[in-house]
PDB file of all heavy atoms in Angstrom:
ATOM      1  N   ILE A   1     -27.237 187.644 -95.073  1.00  0.00           N
ATOM      2  CA  ILE A   1     -26.502 187.053 -96.180  1.00  0.00           C
ATOM      3  C   ILE A   1     -25.032 187.483 -96.148  1.00  0.00           C
ATOM      4  O   ILE A   1     -24.124 186.676 -96.355  1.00  0.00           O
ATOM      5  CB  ILE A   1     -27.152 187.397 -97.549  1.00  0.00           C
ATOM      6  CG1 ILE A   1     -26.310 186.829 -98.706  1.00  0.00           C
ATOM      7  CG2 ILE A   1     -27.354 188.896 -97.724  1.00  0.00           C
ATOM      8  CD1 ILE A   1     -26.121 185.327 -98.679  1.00  0.00           C
ATOM      9  N   GLY A   2     -24.801 188.755 -95.847  1.00  0.00           N
ATOM     10  CA  GLY A   2     -23.431 189.250 -95.784  1.00  0.00           C
ATOM     11  C   GLY A   2     -22.654 188.654 -94.626  1.00  0.00           C
ATOM     12  O   GLY A   2     -21.465 188.316 -94.756  1.00  0.00           O
ATOM     13  N   LYS A   3     -23.314 188.536 -93.497  1.00  0.00           N
ATOM     14  CA  LYS A   3     -22.655 187.965 -92.319  1.00  0.00           C
ATOM     15  C   LYS A   3     -22.284 186.501 -92.543  1.00  0.00           C
ATOM     16  O   LYS A   3     -21.204 186.050 -92.146  1.00  0.00           O
ATOM     17  CB  LYS A   3     -23.553 188.130 -91.090  1.00  0.00           C
ATOM     18  CG  LYS A   3     -23.714 189.586 -90.667  1.00  0.00           C
ATOM     19  CD  LYS A   3     -24.742 189.746 -89.558  1.00  0.00           C
ATOM     20  CE  LYS A   3     -24.922 191.220 -89.198  1.00  0.00           C
ATOM     21  NZ  LYS A   3     -25.971 191.430 -88.176  1.00  0.00           N
ATOM     22  N   GLU A   4     -23.179 185.755 -93.186  1.00  0.00           N
ATOM     23  CA  GLU A   4     -22.905 184.346 -93.465  1.00  0.00           C
ATOM     24  C   GLU A   4     -21.802 184.193 -94.515  1.00  0.00           C
ATOM     25  O   GLU A   4     -20.955 183.299 -94.417  1.00  0.00           O
ATOM     26  CB  GLU A   4     -24.174 183.640 -93.932  1.00  0.00           C
ATOM     27  CG  GLU A   4     -25.188 183.401 -92.829  1.00  0.00           C
ATOM     28  CD  GLU A   4     -24.662 182.465 -91.745  1.00  0.00           C
ATOM     29  OE1 GLU A   4     -23.961 181.490 -92.072  1.00  0.00           O
ATOM     30  OE2 GLU A   4     -24.951 182.725 -90.554  1.00  0.00           O
ATOM     31  N   LEU A   5     -21.819 185.070 -95.520  1.00  0.00           N
ATOM     32  CA  LEU A   5     -20.782 185.026 -96.550  1.00  0.00           C
ATOM     33  C   LEU A   5     -19.423 185.372 -95.959  1.00  0.00           C
ATOM     34  O   LEU A   5     -18.407 184.725 -96.258  1.00  0.00           O
ATOM     35  CB  LEU A   5     -21.135 186.003 -97.685  1.00  0.00           C
ATOM     36  CG  LEU A   5     -20.175 186.041 -98.880  1.00  0.00           C
ATOM     37  CD1 LEU A   5     -20.028 184.669 -99.519  1.00  0.00           C
ATOM     38  CD2 LEU A   5     -20.664 187.064 -99.910  1.00  0.00           C
ATOM     39  N   ASN A   6     -19.407 186.372 -95.098  1.00  0.00           N
ATOM     40  CA  ASN A   6     -18.172 186.776 -94.434  1.00  0.00           C
ATOM     41  C   ASN A   6     -17.619 185.637 -93.568  1.00  0.00           C
ATOM     42  O   ASN A   6     -16.415 185.340 -93.586  1.00  0.00           O
ATOM     43  CB  ASN A   6     -18.430 188.011 -93.582  1.00  0.00           C
ATOM     44  CG  ASN A   6     -17.161 188.607 -93.024  1.00  0.00           C
ATOM     45  OD1 ASN A   6     -16.287 189.047 -93.765  1.00  0.00           O
ATOM     46  ND2 ASN A   6     -17.024 188.605 -91.702  1.00  0.00           N
ATOM     47  N   LYS A   7     -18.518 184.988 -92.846  1.00  0.00           N
ATOM     48  CA  LYS A   7     -18.115 183.869 -91.985  1.00  0.00           C
ATOM     49  C   LYS A   7     -17.552 182.716 -92.813  1.00  0.00           C
ATOM     50  O   LYS A   7     -16.526 182.108 -92.457  1.00  0.00           O
ATOM     51  CB  LYS A   7     -19.323 183.398 -91.175  1.00  0.00           C
ATOM     52  CG  LYS A   7     -19.029 182.238 -90.231  1.00  0.00           C
ATOM     53  CD  LYS A   7     -20.302 181.791 -89.508  1.00  0.00           C
ATOM     54  CE  LYS A   7     -20.039 180.554 -88.658  1.00  0.00           C
ATOM     55  NZ  LYS A   7     -21.280 180.052 -88.019  1.00  0.00           N
ATOM     56  N   LEU A   8     -18.216 182.408 -93.919  1.00  0.00           N
ATOM     57  CA  LEU A   8     -17.754 181.337 -94.799  1.00  0.00           C
ATOM     58  C   LEU A   8     -16.334 181.614 -95.297  1.00  0.00           C
ATOM     59  O   LEU A   8     -15.460 180.736 -95.262  1.00  0.00           O
ATOM     60  CB  LEU A   8     -18.701 181.204 -95.998  1.00  0.00           C
ATOM     61  CG  LEU A   8     -18.209 180.299 -97.132  1.00  0.00           C
ATOM     62  CD1 LEU A   8     -18.407 178.841 -96.770  1.00  0.00           C
ATOM     63  CD2 LEU A   8     -18.915 180.629 -98.444  1.00  0.00           C
ATOM     64  N   LEU A   9     -16.119 182.843 -95.766  1.00  0.00           N
ATOM     65  CA  LEU A   9     -14.811 183.183 -96.319  1.00  0.00           C
ATOM     66  C   LEU A   9     -13.724 183.176 -95.258  1.00  0.00           C
ATOM     67  O   LEU A   9     -12.590 182.750 -95.517  1.00  0.00           O
ATOM     68  CB  LEU A   9     -14.885 184.541 -97.030  1.00  0.00           C
ATOM     69  CG  LEU A   9     -15.670 184.504 -98.348  1.00  0.00           C
ATOM     70  CD1 LEU A   9     -15.894 185.910 -98.883  1.00  0.00           C
ATOM     71  CD2 LEU A   9     -14.957 183.657 -99.393  1.00  0.00           C
ATOM     72  N   LEU A  10     -14.063 183.629 -94.059  1.00  0.00           N
ATOM     73  CA  LEU A  10     -13.082 183.562 -92.966  1.00  0.00           C
ATOM     74  C   LEU A  10     -12.689 182.110 -92.700  1.00  0.00           C
ATOM     75  O   LEU A  10     -11.510 181.801 -92.497  1.00  0.00           O
ATOM     76  CB  LEU A  10     -13.648 184.200 -91.696  1.00  0.00           C
ATOM     77  CG  LEU A  10     -13.705 185.728 -91.664  1.00  0.00           C
ATOM     78  CD1 LEU A  10     -14.457 186.203 -90.428  1.00  0.00           C
ATOM     79  CD2 LEU A  10     -12.291 186.334 -91.679  1.00  0.00           C
ATOM     80  N   ASP A  11     -13.668 181.229 -92.736  1.00  0.00           N
ATOM     81  CA  ASP A  11     -13.402 179.799 -92.539  1.00  0.00           C
ATOM     82  C   ASP A  11     -12.522 179.237 -93.652  1.00  0.00           C
ATOM     83  O   ASP A  11     -11.779 178.268 -93.436  1.00  0.00           O
ATOM     84  CB  ASP A  11     -14.706 179.005 -92.489  1.00  0.00           C
ATOM     85  CG  ASP A  11     -15.493 179.247 -91.204  1.00  0.00           C
ATOM     86  OD1 ASP A  11     -14.901 179.766 -90.235  1.00  0.00           O
ATOM     87  OD2 ASP A  11     -16.705 178.933 -91.178  1.00  0.00           O
ATOM     88  N   LYS A  12     -12.605 179.856 -94.835  1.00  0.00           N
ATOM     89  CA  LYS A  12     -11.802 179.401 -95.974  1.00  0.00           C
ATOM     90  C   LYS A  12     -10.475 180.133 -96.083  1.00  0.00           C
ATOM     91  O   LYS A  12      -9.714 179.940 -97.035  1.00  0.00           O
ATOM     92  CB  LYS A  12     -12.601 179.597 -97.281  1.00  0.00           C
ATOM     93  CG  LYS A  12     -13.917 178.829 -97.337  1.00  0.00           C
ATOM     94  CD  LYS A  12     -13.706 177.334 -97.277  1.00  0.00           C
ATOM     95  CE  LYS A  12     -15.032 176.578 -97.366  1.00  0.00           C
ATOM     96  NZ  LYS A  12     -14.849 175.113 -97.278  1.00  0.00           N
ATOM     97  N   GLY A  13     -10.202 181.027 -95.114  1.00  0.00           N
ATOM     98  CA  GLY A  13      -8.917 181.714 -95.109  1.00  0.00           C
ATOM     99  C   GLY A  13      -8.879 183.042 -95.826  1.00  0.00           C
ATOM    100  O   GLY A  13      -7.807 183.521 -96.216  1.00  0.00           O
ATOM    101  N   ILE A  14     -10.070 183.676 -95.994  1.00  0.00           N
ATOM    102  CA  ILE A  14     -10.158 184.943 -96.726  1.00  0.00           C
ATOM    103  C   ILE A  14     -10.848 186.010 -95.870  1.00  0.00           C
ATOM    104  O   ILE A  14     -11.885 185.749 -95.252  1.00  0.00           O
ATOM    105  CB  ILE A  14     -10.978 184.766 -98.028  1.00  0.00           C
ATOM    106  CG1 ILE A  14     -10.315 183.741 -98.956  1.00  0.00           C
ATOM    107  CG2 ILE A  14     -11.161 186.106 -98.735  1.00  0.00           C
ATOM    108  CD1 ILE A  14      -9.010 184.179 -99.573  1.00  0.00           C
ATOM    109  N   VAL A  15     -10.276 187.229 -95.854  1.00  0.00           N
ATOM    110  CA  VAL A  15     -10.865 188.366 -95.153  1.00  0.00           C
ATOM    111  C   VAL A  15     -11.412 189.341 -96.193  1.00  0.00           C
ATOM    112  O   VAL A  15     -10.689 189.766 -97.098  1.00  0.00           O
ATOM    113  CB  VAL A  15      -9.824 189.086 -94.270  1.00  0.00           C
ATOM    114  CG1 VAL A  15     -10.474 190.274 -93.539  1.00  0.00           C
ATOM    115  CG2 VAL A  15      -9.198 188.123 -93.265  1.00  0.00           C
ATOM    116  N   LEU A  16     -12.694 189.684 -96.092  1.00  0.00           N
ATOM    117  CA  LEU A  16     -13.296 190.682 -96.982  1.00  0.00           C
ATOM    118  C   LEU A  16     -12.926 192.082 -96.490  1.00  0.00           C
ATOM    119  O   LEU A  16     -13.253 192.451 -95.371  1.00  0.00           O
ATOM    120  CB  LEU A  16     -14.815 190.518 -97.008  1.00  0.00           C
ATOM    121  CG  LEU A  16     -15.363 189.356 -97.841  1.00  0.00           C
ATOM    122  CD1 LEU A  16     -16.860 189.193 -97.595  1.00  0.00           C
ATOM    123  CD2 LEU A  16     -15.110 189.578 -99.318  1.00  0.00           C
ATOM    124  N   ILE A  17     -12.268 192.839 -97.335  1.00  0.00           N
ATOM    125  CA  ILE A  17     -11.797 194.172 -96.956  1.00  0.00           C
ATOM    126  C   ILE A  17     -12.741 195.267 -97.463  1.00  0.00           C
ATOM    127  O   ILE A  17     -13.163 196.136 -96.710  1.00  0.00           O
ATOM    128  CB  ILE A  17     -10.379 194.427 -97.509  1.00  0.00           C
ATOM    129  CG1 ILE A  17      -9.411 193.323 -97.056  1.00  0.00           C
ATOM    130  CG2 ILE A  17      -9.871 195.798 -97.079  1.00  0.00           C
ATOM    131  CD1 ILE A  17      -9.224 193.213 -95.565  1.00  0.00           C
ATOM    132  N   SER A  18     -13.057 195.242 -98.766  1.00  0.00           N
ATOM    133  CA  SER A  18     -13.991 196.222 -99.354  1.00  0.00           C
ATOM    134  C   SER A  18     -15.068 195.476-100.132  1.00  0.00           C
ATOM    135  O   SER A  18     -14.754 194.649-100.995  1.00  0.00           O
ATOM    136  CB  SER A  18     -13.260 197.176-100.312  1.00  0.00           C
ATOM    137  OG  SER A  18     -12.436 198.072 -99.625  1.00  0.00           O
ATOM    138  N   TRP A  19     -16.330 195.765 -99.821  1.00  0.00           N
ATOM    139  CA  TRP A  19     -17.456 195.145-100.522  1.00  0.00           C
ATOM    140  C   TRP A  19     -17.766 195.976-101.766  1.00  0.00           C
ATOM    141  O   TRP A  19     -18.231 197.115-101.662  1.00  0.00           O
ATOM    142  CB  TRP A  19     -18.672 195.065 -99.610  1.00  0.00           C
ATOM    143  CG  TRP A  19     -18.498 194.115 -98.468  1.00  0.00           C
ATOM    144  CD1 TRP A  19     -17.556 194.189 -97.476  1.00  0.00           C
ATOM    145  CD2 TRP A  19     -19.265 192.934 -98.200  1.00  0.00           C
ATOM    146  NE1 TRP A  19     -17.701 193.131 -96.606  1.00  0.00           N
ATOM    147  CE2 TRP A  19     -18.744 192.342 -97.018  1.00  0.00           C
ATOM    148  CE3 TRP A  19     -20.349 192.327 -98.833  1.00  0.00           C
ATOM    149  CZ2 TRP A  19     -19.269 191.176 -96.475  1.00  0.00           C
ATOM    150  CZ3 TRP A  19     -20.883 191.160 -98.281  1.00  0.00           C
ATOM    151  CH2 TRP A  19     -20.340 190.599 -97.126  1.00  0.00           C
ATOM    152  N   ILE A  20     -17.533 195.413-102.940  1.00  0.00           N
ATOM    153  CA  ILE A  20     -17.674 196.154-104.191  1.00  0.00           C
ATOM    154  C   ILE A  20     -18.626 195.416-105.125  1.00  0.00           C
ATOM    155  O   ILE A  20     -18.444 194.235-105.410  1.00  0.00           O
ATOM    156  CB  ILE A  20     -16.301 196.317-104.890  1.00  0.00           C
ATOM    157  CG1 ILE A  20     -15.310 197.030-103.962  1.00  0.00           C
ATOM    158  CG2 ILE A  20     -16.454 197.083-106.211  1.00  0.00           C
ATOM    159  CD1 ILE A  20     -13.874 196.948-104.434  1.00  0.00           C
ATOM    160  N   TRP A  21     -19.641 196.121-105.606  1.00  0.00           N
ATOM    161  CA  TRP A  21     -20.586 195.567-106.577  1.00  0.00           C
ATOM    162  C   TRP A  21     -20.500 196.348-107.874  1.00  0.00           C
ATOM    163  O   TRP A  21     -20.272 197.561-107.868  1.00  0.00           O
ATOM    164  CB  TRP A  21     -22.014 195.626-106.044  1.00  0.00           C
ATOM    165  CG  TRP A  21     -22.306 194.626-104.971  1.00  0.00           C
ATOM    166  CD1 TRP A  21     -22.156 194.792-103.621  1.00  0.00           C
ATOM    167  CD2 TRP A  21     -22.765 193.285-105.145  1.00  0.00           C
ATOM    168  NE1 TRP A  21     -22.506 193.649-102.950  1.00  0.00           N
ATOM    169  CE2 TRP A  21     -22.889 192.692-103.860  1.00  0.00           C
ATOM    170  CE3 TRP A  21     -23.096 192.505-106.271  1.00  0.00           C
ATOM    171  CZ2 TRP A  21     -23.324 191.386-103.676  1.00  0.00           C
ATOM    172  CZ3 TRP A  21     -23.528 191.205-106.077  1.00  0.00           C
ATOM    173  CH2 TRP A  21     -23.642 190.661-104.797  1.00  0.00           C
ATOM    174  N   GLN A  22     -20.713 195.644-108.985  1.00  0.00           N
ATOM    175  CA  GLN A  22     -20.731 196.311-110.288  1.00  0.00           C
ATOM    176  C   GLN A  22     -21.855 195.757-111.158  1.00  0.00           C
ATOM    177  O   GLN A  22     -22.076 194.543-111.199  1.00  0.00           O
ATOM    178  CB  GLN A  22     -19.410 196.089-111.025  1.00  0.00           C
ATOM    179  CG  GLN A  22     -18.237 196.830-110.407  1.00  0.00           C
ATOM    180  CD  GLN A  22     -17.021 196.717-111.294  1.00  0.00           C
ATOM    181  OE1 GLN A  22     -16.212 195.819-111.138  1.00  0.00           O
ATOM    182  NE2 GLN A  22     -16.896 197.625-112.242  1.00  0.00           N
ATOM    183  N   ALA A  23     -22.538 196.651-111.849  1.00  0.00           N
ATOM    184  CA  ALA A  23     -23.539 196.225-112.822  1.00  0.00           C
ATOM    185  C   ALA A  23     -22.818 195.761-114.079  1.00  0.00           C
ATOM    186  O   ALA A  23     -21.694 196.172-114.361  1.00  0.00           O
ATOM    187  CB  ALA A  23     -24.485 197.369-113.145  1.00  0.00           C
ATOM    188  N   GLY A  24     -23.498 194.892-114.833  1.00  0.00           N
ATOM    189  CA  GLY A  24     -22.875 194.385-116.050  1.00  0.00           C
ATOM    190  C   GLY A  24     -23.678 194.691-117.293  1.00  0.00           C
ATOM    191  O   GLY A  24     -24.864 195.016-117.231  1.00  0.00           O
ATOM    192  N   GLY A  25     -23.012 194.562-118.424  1.00  0.00           N
ATOM    193  CA  GLY A  25     -23.641 194.744-119.720  1.00  0.00           C
ATOM    194  C   GLY A  25     -23.151 193.667-120.669  1.00  0.00           C
ATOM    195  O   GLY A  25     -22.439 192.746-120.272  1.00  0.00           O
ATOM    196  N   VAL A  26     -23.529 193.805-121.945  1.00  0.00           N
ATOM    197  CA  VAL A  26     -23.136 192.820-122.952  1.00  0.00           C
ATOM    198  C   VAL A  26     -22.571 193.528-124.176  1.00  0.00           C
ATOM    199  O   VAL A  26     -23.220 194.407-124.745  1.00  0.00           O
ATOM    200  CB  VAL A  26     -24.338 191.955-123.406  1.00  0.00           C
ATOM    201  CG1 VAL A  26     -23.853 190.810-124.300  1.00  0.00           C
ATOM    202  CG2 VAL A  26     -25.116 191.419-122.222  1.00  0.00           C
ATOM    203  N   ALA A  27     -21.360 193.143-124.555  1.00  0.00           N
ATOM    204  CA  ALA A  27     -20.778 193.614-125.810  1.00  0.00           C
ATOM    205  C   ALA A  27     -20.886 192.483-126.814  1.00  0.00           C
ATOM    206  O   ALA A  27     -20.581 191.331-126.490  1.00  0.00           O
ATOM    207  CB  ALA A  27     -19.311 193.986-125.601  1.00  0.00           C
ATOM    208  N   SER A  28     -21.347 192.789-128.016  1.00  0.00           N
ATOM    209  CA  SER A  28     -21.528 191.731-129.014  1.00  0.00           C
ATOM    210  C   SER A  28     -21.085 192.192-130.406  1.00  0.00           C
ATOM    211  O   SER A  28     -21.052 193.385-130.697  1.00  0.00           O
ATOM    212  CB  SER A  28     -22.982 191.253-129.040  1.00  0.00           C
ATOM    213  OG  SER A  28     -23.885 192.337-129.099  1.00  0.00           O
ATOM    214  N   ARG A  29     -20.759 191.219-131.230  1.00  0.00           N
ATOM    215  CA  ARG A  29     -20.171 191.509-132.529  1.00  0.00           C
ATOM    216  C   ARG A  29     -21.200 191.694-133.645  1.00  0.00           C
ATOM    217  O   ARG A  29     -21.113 192.624-134.435  1.00  0.00           O
ATOM    218  CB  ARG A  29     -19.208 190.381-132.926  1.00  0.00           C
ATOM    219  CG  ARG A  29     -18.063 190.191-131.960  1.00  0.00           C
ATOM    220  CD  ARG A  29     -17.248 188.936-132.253  1.00  0.00           C
ATOM    221  NE  ARG A  29     -16.377 189.132-133.403  1.00  0.00           N
ATOM    222  CZ  ARG A  29     -16.394 188.371-134.490  1.00  0.00           C
ATOM    223  NH1 ARG A  29     -17.261 187.374-134.590  1.00  0.00           N
ATOM    224  NH2 ARG A  29     -15.575 188.616-135.484  1.00  0.00           N
TER     225      ARG A  29
END
């Protein structure tokens, strides 16, 4: 999946430099 994503982005003119993931949460009123 990473190799295909990297290839896609290179084809679109983008180089992946740092692979960063973040978990998310929900803030509500």
